[in-house]
């Protein structure tokens, strides 16, 4: 089974490995699942992971 970016399941994800917290690109540590981003992360503009109602596969 292929593992997808956990960010696809976040309300703040906007597509192309970018989100409201990281509009210039999600850090690899988060995008590959090394950090669940449920706590503040350097440069996240005060926005953390929030479960989306539906996954966003963009």
N, C-alpha and C. Protein backbone atom coordinates (compact mmCIF):
# COMPACT_ATOMS: atom_id res chain seq x y z
N UNK A 1 0.84 -1.18 0.00
CA UNK A 1 0.00 0.00 0.00
C UNK A 1 0.88 1.24 0.00
N UNK A 2 0.57 2.19 -0.84
CA UNK A 2 1.34 3.43 -0.91
C UNK A 2 0.84 4.40 0.15
N UNK A 3 1.77 5.06 0.82
CA UNK A 3 1.43 6.03 1.84
C UNK A 3 1.36 7.41 1.20
N UNK A 4 0.28 8.10 1.44
CA UNK A 4 0.11 9.44 0.89
C UNK A 4 0.37 10.49 1.96
N UNK A 5 0.60 11.68 1.52
CA UNK A 5 0.86 12.81 2.40
C UNK A 5 -0.27 12.96 3.43
N UNK A 6 0.06 12.99 4.73
CA UNK A 6 -0.99 13.14 5.74
C UNK A 6 -1.71 14.48 5.60
N UNK A 7 -1.09 15.40 4.89
CA UNK A 7 -1.69 16.72 4.70
C UNK A 7 -2.97 16.66 3.89
N UNK A 8 -3.15 15.60 3.09
CA UNK A 8 -4.38 15.44 2.31
C UNK A 8 -5.60 15.37 3.22
N UNK A 9 -5.38 15.04 4.48
CA UNK A 9 -6.47 14.87 5.43
C UNK A 9 -6.65 16.09 6.33
N UNK A 10 -5.98 17.19 5.99
CA UNK A 10 -6.04 18.42 6.79
C UNK A 10 -6.95 19.45 6.12
N UNK A 11 -7.73 20.12 6.93
CA UNK A 11 -8.64 21.16 6.45
C UNK A 11 -7.88 22.32 5.77
N UNK A 12 -6.64 22.54 6.14
CA UNK A 12 -5.88 23.68 5.64
C UNK A 12 -5.11 23.40 4.35
N UNK A 13 -5.13 22.15 3.87
CA UNK A 13 -4.40 21.77 2.66
C UNK A 13 -5.03 22.44 1.44
N UNK A 14 -4.19 23.06 0.59
CA UNK A 14 -4.72 23.74 -0.60
C UNK A 14 -4.28 23.10 -1.90
N UNK A 15 -3.40 22.11 -1.83
CA UNK A 15 -2.97 21.40 -3.03
C UNK A 15 -1.51 21.64 -3.36
N UNK A 16 -0.97 20.73 -4.20
CA UNK A 16 0.42 20.82 -4.66
C UNK A 16 1.42 20.96 -3.52
N UNK A 17 1.19 20.17 -2.45
CA UNK A 17 2.06 20.16 -1.26
C UNK A 17 2.20 21.54 -0.61
N UNK A 18 1.09 22.28 -0.63
CA UNK A 18 1.03 23.60 0.02
C UNK A 18 -0.23 23.67 0.86
N UNK A 19 -0.19 24.54 1.88
CA UNK A 19 -1.34 24.71 2.75
C UNK A 19 -1.34 26.13 3.30
N UNK A 20 -2.37 26.45 4.07
CA UNK A 20 -2.46 27.78 4.67
C UNK A 20 -1.31 28.03 5.64
N UNK A 21 -0.84 26.99 6.30
CA UNK A 21 0.28 27.13 7.24
C UNK A 21 1.60 27.32 6.51
N UNK A 22 1.75 26.63 5.38
CA UNK A 22 2.99 26.66 4.60
C UNK A 22 2.68 26.94 3.13
N UNK A 23 2.32 28.19 2.81
CA UNK A 23 1.94 28.52 1.43
C UNK A 23 3.07 28.38 0.42
N UNK A 24 4.31 28.35 0.88
CA UNK A 24 5.45 28.19 -0.03
C UNK A 24 5.92 26.74 -0.13
N UNK A 25 5.24 25.84 0.57
CA UNK A 25 5.58 24.42 0.52
C UNK A 25 5.67 23.82 1.91
N UNK A 26 5.06 22.67 2.08
CA UNK A 26 5.04 21.97 3.36
C UNK A 26 6.40 21.31 3.60
N UNK A 27 6.99 21.51 4.78
CA UNK A 27 8.28 20.88 5.08
C UNK A 27 8.19 19.35 4.93
N UNK A 28 9.26 18.76 4.44
CA UNK A 28 9.29 17.32 4.21
C UNK A 28 9.00 16.53 5.48
N UNK A 29 9.48 17.01 6.62
CA UNK A 29 9.26 16.32 7.90
C UNK A 29 7.76 16.11 8.14
N UNK A 30 6.94 17.03 7.73
CA UNK A 30 5.50 16.93 7.90
C UNK A 30 4.89 16.14 6.74
N UNK A 31 5.26 16.47 5.52
CA UNK A 31 4.62 15.86 4.35
C UNK A 31 4.86 14.35 4.23
N UNK A 32 5.95 13.85 4.80
CA UNK A 32 6.19 12.40 4.75
C UNK A 32 5.74 11.70 6.02
N UNK A 33 5.14 12.44 6.95
CA UNK A 33 4.58 11.84 8.15
C UNK A 33 5.49 11.76 9.35
N UNK A 34 6.64 12.41 9.31
CA UNK A 34 7.55 12.39 10.46
C UNK A 34 7.08 13.26 11.61
N UNK A 35 6.17 14.17 11.31
CA UNK A 35 5.63 15.09 12.31
C UNK A 35 4.15 15.25 11.98
N UNK A 36 3.27 15.03 12.96
CA UNK A 36 1.83 15.10 12.67
C UNK A 36 1.28 16.53 12.65
N UNK A 37 2.11 17.50 12.97
CA UNK A 37 1.78 18.92 12.96
C UNK A 37 0.53 19.26 13.76
N UNK A 38 0.35 18.58 14.88
CA UNK A 38 -0.75 18.90 15.78
C UNK A 38 -0.30 19.89 16.86
N UNK A 39 0.98 20.19 16.86
CA UNK A 39 1.56 21.20 17.76
C UNK A 39 2.29 22.20 16.89
N UNK A 40 2.52 23.41 17.39
CA UNK A 40 3.22 24.43 16.59
C UNK A 40 4.54 23.91 16.00
N UNK A 41 4.82 24.36 14.79
CA UNK A 41 6.01 23.97 14.05
C UNK A 41 6.60 25.26 13.49
N UNK A 42 7.89 25.38 13.53
CA UNK A 42 8.55 26.60 13.08
C UNK A 42 8.06 27.01 11.67
N UNK A 43 7.58 28.24 11.57
CA UNK A 43 7.15 28.78 10.29
C UNK A 43 5.72 28.44 9.88
N UNK A 44 4.92 27.87 10.79
CA UNK A 44 3.57 27.45 10.40
C UNK A 44 2.50 28.54 10.49
N UNK A 45 2.93 29.77 10.74
CA UNK A 45 2.00 30.91 10.79
C UNK A 45 0.88 30.72 11.80
N UNK A 46 1.12 29.93 12.85
CA UNK A 46 0.12 29.72 13.90
C UNK A 46 -1.00 28.77 13.51
N UNK A 47 -0.83 28.04 12.42
CA UNK A 47 -1.85 27.11 11.93
C UNK A 47 -1.32 25.69 12.06
N UNK A 48 -2.11 24.80 12.68
CA UNK A 48 -1.72 23.41 12.82
C UNK A 48 -2.76 22.50 12.14
N UNK A 49 -2.43 21.20 12.09
CA UNK A 49 -3.31 20.20 11.48
C UNK A 49 -4.70 20.24 12.09
N UNK A 50 -5.70 20.20 11.21
CA UNK A 50 -7.10 20.09 11.63
C UNK A 50 -7.76 19.11 10.67
N UNK A 51 -8.32 18.05 11.22
CA UNK A 51 -8.92 16.98 10.41
C UNK A 51 -9.97 17.54 9.45
N UNK A 52 -9.84 17.22 8.18
CA UNK A 52 -10.81 17.64 7.16
C UNK A 52 -11.99 16.67 7.14
N UNK A 53 -13.13 17.15 6.69
CA UNK A 53 -14.31 16.29 6.58
C UNK A 53 -14.10 15.26 5.48
N UNK A 54 -13.41 15.65 4.39
CA UNK A 54 -13.10 14.75 3.29
C UNK A 54 -11.65 14.95 2.90
N UNK A 55 -10.94 13.89 2.55
CA UNK A 55 -9.54 14.05 2.10
C UNK A 55 -9.48 14.91 0.84
N UNK A 56 -8.38 15.64 0.70
CA UNK A 56 -8.17 16.53 -0.44
C UNK A 56 -7.00 15.98 -1.23
N UNK A 57 -7.26 15.31 -2.32
CA UNK A 57 -6.20 14.71 -3.13
C UNK A 57 -5.90 15.61 -4.32
N UNK A 58 -4.98 16.54 -4.12
CA UNK A 58 -4.61 17.47 -5.19
C UNK A 58 -3.13 17.44 -5.39
